[in-house]
């Protein structure tokens, strides 16, 4: 992955949100993911976007990943 290579070359932290969100969605399963997604007017799940619950869940995920990748941010991130 090019992003990993560049992060390593620049000694920059990397947050692999794709891998983390894939793990989360696998753990939640389709029904759990549907609870985090808005529903279209025809009742189908919009699996691309997030509803308020999804925004909170993924916001927490990003904050947790940032806390791990950049410990200096911990004072400015809400506790887990």
C-alpha atoms as a PDB file:
ATOM      1  CA  UNK A   1       0.000   0.000   0.000  1.00  0.00           C
ATOM      2  CA  UNK A   2       1.473   3.326  -1.078  1.00  0.00           C
ATOM      3  CA  UNK A   3       0.159   5.173   1.986  1.00  0.00           C
ATOM      4  CA  UNK A   4       2.063   2.841   4.313  1.00  0.00           C
ATOM      5  CA  UNK A   5       5.258   3.333   2.332  1.00  0.00           C
ATOM      6  CA  UNK A   6       4.951   7.119   2.378  1.00  0.00           C
ATOM      7  CA  UNK A   7       4.103   7.153   6.090  1.00  0.00           C
ATOM      8  CA  UNK A   8       7.166   5.032   6.792  1.00  0.00           C
ATOM      9  CA  UNK A   9       9.396   7.204   4.605  1.00  0.00           C
ATOM     10  CA  UNK A  10       8.153  10.373   6.304  1.00  0.00           C
ATOM     11  CA  UNK A  11       8.097   8.853   9.809  1.00  0.00           C
ATOM     12  CA  UNK A  12       4.456   9.897   9.922  1.00  0.00           C
ATOM     13  CA  UNK A  13       1.691   8.135  11.819  1.00  0.00           C
ATOM     14  CA  UNK A  14      -0.772   6.168   9.723  1.00  0.00           C
ATOM     15  CA  UNK A  15      -4.368   5.393  10.573  1.00  0.00           C
ATOM     16  CA  UNK A  16      -5.689   2.531   8.453  1.00  0.00           C
ATOM     17  CA  UNK A  17      -9.364   3.402   8.713  1.00  0.00           C
ATOM     18  CA  UNK A  18     -10.249   0.971   5.941  1.00  0.00           C
ATOM     19  CA  UNK A  19      -8.850  -2.003   7.857  1.00  0.00           C
ATOM     20  CA  UNK A  20     -10.349  -0.846  11.163  1.00  0.00           C
ATOM     21  CA  UNK A  21     -13.796  -0.195   9.696  1.00  0.00           C
ATOM     22  CA  UNK A  22     -13.724  -3.552   7.903  1.00  0.00           C
ATOM     23  CA  UNK A  23     -12.956  -5.288  11.218  1.00  0.00           C
ATOM     24  CA  UNK A  24     -15.755  -3.376  12.940  1.00  0.00           C
ATOM     25  CA  UNK A  25     -18.304  -4.168  10.241  1.00  0.00           C
ATOM     26  CA  UNK A  26     -17.310  -7.824  10.206  1.00  0.00           C
ATOM     27  CA  UNK A  27     -17.774  -7.973  13.980  1.00  0.00           C
ATOM     28  CA  UNK A  28     -21.147  -6.192  13.798  1.00  0.00           C
ATOM     29  CA  UNK A  29     -22.452  -8.227  10.880  1.00  0.00           C
ATOM     30  CA  UNK A  30     -25.003  -7.004   8.351  1.00  0.00           C
ATOM     31  CA  UNK A  31     -27.736  -6.411  10.927  1.00  0.00           C
ATOM     32  CA  UNK A  32     -25.441  -4.398  13.183  1.00  0.00           C
ATOM     33  CA  UNK A  33     -24.166  -2.320  10.275  1.00  0.00           C
ATOM     34  CA  UNK A  34     -27.743  -1.633   9.174  1.00  0.00           C
ATOM     35  CA  UNK A  35     -28.343   0.015  12.557  1.00  0.00           C
ATOM     36  CA  UNK A  36     -25.550   2.485  11.766  1.00  0.00           C
ATOM     37  CA  UNK A  37     -26.815   3.307   8.279  1.00  0.00           C
ATOM     38  CA  UNK A  38     -29.649   5.504   7.042  1.00  0.00           C
ATOM     39  CA  UNK A  39     -32.562   3.885   5.266  1.00  0.00           C
ATOM     40  CA  UNK A  40     -33.853   5.055   1.918  1.00  0.00           C
ATOM     41  CA  UNK A  41     -37.488   5.957   1.369  1.00  0.00           C
ATOM     42  CA  UNK A  42     -38.065   2.479  -0.093  1.00  0.00           C
ATOM     43  CA  UNK A  43     -36.786   0.891   3.134  1.00  0.00           C
ATOM     44  CA  UNK A  44     -33.451  -0.340   1.772  1.00  0.00           C
ATOM     45  CA  UNK A  45     -30.249   0.327   3.682  1.00  0.00           C
ATOM     46  CA  UNK A  46     -27.838   2.968   2.400  1.00  0.00           C
ATOM     47  CA  UNK A  47     -24.634   1.065   3.140  1.00  0.00           C
ATOM     48  CA  UNK A  48     -22.442   3.952   1.951  1.00  0.00           C
ATOM     49  CA  UNK A  49     -23.376   6.629   4.484  1.00  0.00           C
ATOM     50  CA  UNK A  50     -23.840   6.793   8.250  1.00  0.00           C
ATOM     51  CA  UNK A  51     -26.753   7.865  10.409  1.00  0.00           C
ATOM     52  CA  UNK A  52     -26.242   9.619  13.764  1.00  0.00           C
ATOM     53  CA  UNK A  53     -25.492   6.331  15.547  1.00  0.00           C
ATOM     54  CA  UNK A  54     -23.019   5.393  12.823  1.00  0.00           C
ATOM     55  CA  UNK A  55     -21.319   8.785  12.995  1.00  0.00           C
ATOM     56  CA  UNK A  56     -20.888   8.376  16.757  1.00  0.00           C
ATOM     57  CA  UNK A  57     -19.560   4.814  16.418  1.00  0.00           C
ATOM     58  CA  UNK A  58     -17.105   5.641  13.645  1.00  0.00           C
ATOM     59  CA  UNK A  59     -16.121   8.914  15.302  1.00  0.00           C
ATOM     60  CA  UNK A  60     -15.160   6.920  18.387  1.00  0.00           C
ATOM     61  CA  UNK A  61     -13.234   4.487  16.181  1.00  0.00           C
ATOM     62  CA  UNK A  62     -11.247   7.320  14.580  1.00  0.00           C
ATOM     63  CA  UNK A  63     -10.563   8.929  17.968  1.00  0.00           C
ATOM     64  CA  UNK A  64      -9.338   5.602  19.362  1.00  0.00           C
ATOM     65  CA  UNK A  65      -7.076   5.040  16.356  1.00  0.00           C
ATOM     66  CA  UNK A  66      -5.714   8.593  16.600  1.00  0.00           C
ATOM     67  CA  UNK A  67      -5.046   8.098  20.314  1.00  0.00           C
ATOM     68  CA  UNK A  68      -2.973   5.000  19.487  1.00  0.00           C
ATOM     69  CA  UNK A  69      -1.174   6.445  16.451  1.00  0.00           C
ATOM     70  CA  UNK A  70      -0.400   9.861  17.958  1.00  0.00           C
ATOM     71  CA  UNK A  71      -0.189   9.629  21.747  1.00  0.00           C
ATOM     72  CA  UNK A  72       0.416  13.393  21.939  1.00  0.00           C
ATOM     73  CA  UNK A  73      -3.255  13.874  20.953  1.00  0.00           C
ATOM     74  CA  UNK A  74      -4.589  11.999  23.987  1.00  0.00           C
ATOM     75  CA  UNK A  75      -5.162  15.147  26.103  1.00  0.00           C
ATOM     76  CA  UNK A  76      -7.428  16.567  23.373  1.00  0.00           C
ATOM     77  CA  UNK A  77      -9.426  13.418  22.670  1.00  0.00           C
ATOM     78  CA  UNK A  78     -12.334  12.354  24.823  1.00  0.00           C
ATOM     79  CA  UNK A  79     -11.589   9.234  26.857  1.00  0.00           C
ATOM     80  CA  UNK A  80     -12.721   5.938  25.391  1.00  0.00           C
END
